[in-house]
């Protein structure tokens, strides 16, 4: 992940291949746990699991070494499956 250019709000994400793994098989890496939502509205009706109906999944994205989780969290970084165009 890299910081966006000035005044660029949305950037396309390359396709992601999801491969199921056991937690014990995961290696420790410098990653940001990025929330993924269905729409730009980061809210929705809470389900019985306590998650928003708009929430899809948390994705772990590799970060550059100079960045921290707080760096991306303060910027409100999230992935959106569809824009409101």
C-alpha atoms as a PDB file:
ATOM      1  CA  UNK A   1       0.000   0.000   0.000  1.00  0.00           C
ATOM      2  CA  UNK A   2       1.106   3.506  -0.719  1.00  0.00           C
ATOM      3  CA  UNK A   3      -0.332   6.920   0.112  1.00  0.00           C
ATOM      4  CA  UNK A   4      -2.618   8.417  -2.551  1.00  0.00           C
ATOM      5  CA  UNK A   5      -1.884  11.402  -4.732  1.00  0.00           C
ATOM      6  CA  UNK A   6      -3.297  14.763  -3.556  1.00  0.00           C
ATOM      7  CA  UNK A   7      -7.060  15.178  -4.173  1.00  0.00           C
ATOM      8  CA  UNK A   8      -7.480  11.531  -5.288  1.00  0.00           C
ATOM      9  CA  UNK A   9     -10.258  10.021  -3.167  1.00  0.00           C
ATOM     10  CA  UNK A  10     -10.706   6.647  -4.868  1.00  0.00           C
ATOM     11  CA  UNK A  11      -8.149   4.361  -6.459  1.00  0.00           C
ATOM     12  CA  UNK A  12      -8.970   1.036  -8.141  1.00  0.00           C
ATOM     13  CA  UNK A  13      -7.727  -2.044  -6.289  1.00  0.00           C
ATOM     14  CA  UNK A  14      -6.253  -4.912  -8.286  1.00  0.00           C
ATOM     15  CA  UNK A  15      -8.109  -8.201  -8.130  1.00  0.00           C
ATOM     16  CA  UNK A  16      -7.356 -10.147  -4.965  1.00  0.00           C
ATOM     17  CA  UNK A  17      -7.050 -13.908  -4.877  1.00  0.00           C
ATOM     18  CA  UNK A  18      -8.422 -15.269  -1.601  1.00  0.00           C
ATOM     19  CA  UNK A  19      -6.755 -18.466  -0.455  1.00  0.00           C
ATOM     20  CA  UNK A  20      -8.093 -20.190   2.659  1.00  0.00           C
ATOM     21  CA  UNK A  21      -5.411 -20.890   5.283  1.00  0.00           C
ATOM     22  CA  UNK A  22      -5.217 -21.887   8.911  1.00  0.00           C
ATOM     23  CA  UNK A  23      -4.169 -19.118  11.287  1.00  0.00           C
ATOM     24  CA  UNK A  24      -1.234 -21.275  12.354  1.00  0.00           C
ATOM     25  CA  UNK A  25       0.048 -21.195   8.746  1.00  0.00           C
ATOM     26  CA  UNK A  26       0.080 -17.385   8.522  1.00  0.00           C
ATOM     27  CA  UNK A  27       3.434 -15.699   8.761  1.00  0.00           C
ATOM     28  CA  UNK A  28       3.874 -12.509  10.745  1.00  0.00           C
ATOM     29  CA  UNK A  29       4.011  -9.561   8.337  1.00  0.00           C
ATOM     30  CA  UNK A  30       3.733  -5.779   8.393  1.00  0.00           C
ATOM     31  CA  UNK A  31       0.049  -5.479   7.411  1.00  0.00           C
ATOM     32  CA  UNK A  32      -2.993  -3.230   7.748  1.00  0.00           C
ATOM     33  CA  UNK A  33      -6.336  -4.904   8.442  1.00  0.00           C
ATOM     34  CA  UNK A  34      -8.492  -3.012   5.965  1.00  0.00           C
ATOM     35  CA  UNK A  35     -12.294  -3.077   6.351  1.00  0.00           C
ATOM     36  CA  UNK A  36     -14.288  -3.746   3.186  1.00  0.00           C
ATOM     37  CA  UNK A  37     -17.789  -2.326   2.717  1.00  0.00           C
ATOM     38  CA  UNK A  38     -20.499  -2.844   0.079  1.00  0.00           C
ATOM     39  CA  UNK A  39     -21.167   0.881  -0.431  1.00  0.00           C
ATOM     40  CA  UNK A  40     -19.622   4.244   0.423  1.00  0.00           C
ATOM     41  CA  UNK A  41     -21.899   4.555   3.445  1.00  0.00           C
ATOM     42  CA  UNK A  42     -19.844   2.934   6.177  1.00  0.00           C
ATOM     43  CA  UNK A  43     -22.925   2.184   8.204  1.00  0.00           C
ATOM     44  CA  UNK A  44     -25.844  -0.160   8.058  1.00  0.00           C
ATOM     45  CA  UNK A  45     -28.182  -2.169  10.234  1.00  0.00           C
ATOM     46  CA  UNK A  46     -26.378  -4.149  12.917  1.00  0.00           C
ATOM     47  CA  UNK A  47     -26.788  -7.892  12.506  1.00  0.00           C
ATOM     48  CA  UNK A  48     -26.886 -10.466  15.279  1.00  0.00           C
ATOM     49  CA  UNK A  49     -23.092 -10.871  14.908  1.00  0.00           C
ATOM     50  CA  UNK A  50     -22.604  -7.210  15.805  1.00  0.00           C
ATOM     51  CA  UNK A  51     -21.345  -6.262  12.331  1.00  0.00           C
ATOM     52  CA  UNK A  52     -22.953  -3.726  10.031  1.00  0.00           C
ATOM     53  CA  UNK A  53     -25.002  -5.156   7.143  1.00  0.00           C
ATOM     54  CA  UNK A  54     -22.780  -2.995   4.903  1.00  0.00           C
ATOM     55  CA  UNK A  55     -19.565  -4.632   6.180  1.00  0.00           C
ATOM     56  CA  UNK A  56     -18.142  -7.444   4.021  1.00  0.00           C
ATOM     57  CA  UNK A  57     -14.757  -8.584   5.351  1.00  0.00           C
ATOM     58  CA  UNK A  58     -11.468  -7.412   6.853  1.00  0.00           C
ATOM     59  CA  UNK A  59      -8.608  -7.783   4.366  1.00  0.00           C
ATOM     60  CA  UNK A  60      -4.957  -7.853   5.410  1.00  0.00           C
ATOM     61  CA  UNK A  61      -2.926  -5.643   3.091  1.00  0.00           C
ATOM     62  CA  UNK A  62       0.859  -5.410   3.055  1.00  0.00           C
ATOM     63  CA  UNK A  63       2.145  -1.979   4.185  1.00  0.00           C
ATOM     64  CA  UNK A  64       5.396  -0.187   3.523  1.00  0.00           C
ATOM     65  CA  UNK A  65       7.787  -0.407   6.477  1.00  0.00           C
ATOM     66  CA  UNK A  66       7.663   3.347   7.184  1.00  0.00           C
ATOM     67  CA  UNK A  67       3.884   3.248   7.717  1.00  0.00           C
ATOM     68  CA  UNK A  68       1.948   2.014  10.728  1.00  0.00           C
ATOM     69  CA  UNK A  69      -1.606   0.812  11.303  1.00  0.00           C
ATOM     70  CA  UNK A  70      -2.364   4.204  12.889  1.00  0.00           C
ATOM     71  CA  UNK A  71      -1.181   5.959   9.698  1.00  0.00           C
ATOM     72  CA  UNK A  72      -3.875   4.220   7.604  1.00  0.00           C
ATOM     73  CA  UNK A  73      -6.544   4.282  10.328  1.00  0.00           C
ATOM     74  CA  UNK A  74      -6.268   8.083  10.721  1.00  0.00           C
ATOM     75  CA  UNK A  75      -6.801   8.412   6.964  1.00  0.00           C
ATOM     76  CA  UNK A  76      -9.946   6.266   7.139  1.00  0.00           C
ATOM     77  CA  UNK A  77      -8.656   3.801   4.552  1.00  0.00           C
ATOM     78  CA  UNK A  78     -11.235   1.187   3.544  1.00  0.00           C
ATOM     79  CA  UNK A  79     -12.092  -0.834   0.463  1.00  0.00           C
ATOM     80  CA  UNK A  80     -15.482  -0.333  -1.191  1.00  0.00           C
ATOM     81  CA  UNK A  81     -17.031  -2.934  -3.514  1.00  0.00           C
ATOM     82  CA  UNK A  82     -19.106  -0.371  -5.435  1.00  0.00           C
ATOM     83  CA  UNK A  83     -19.104   3.406  -5.830  1.00  0.00           C
ATOM     84  CA  UNK A  84     -22.306   5.448  -5.911  1.00  0.00           C
ATOM     85  CA  UNK A  85     -21.793   6.588  -9.522  1.00  0.00           C
END
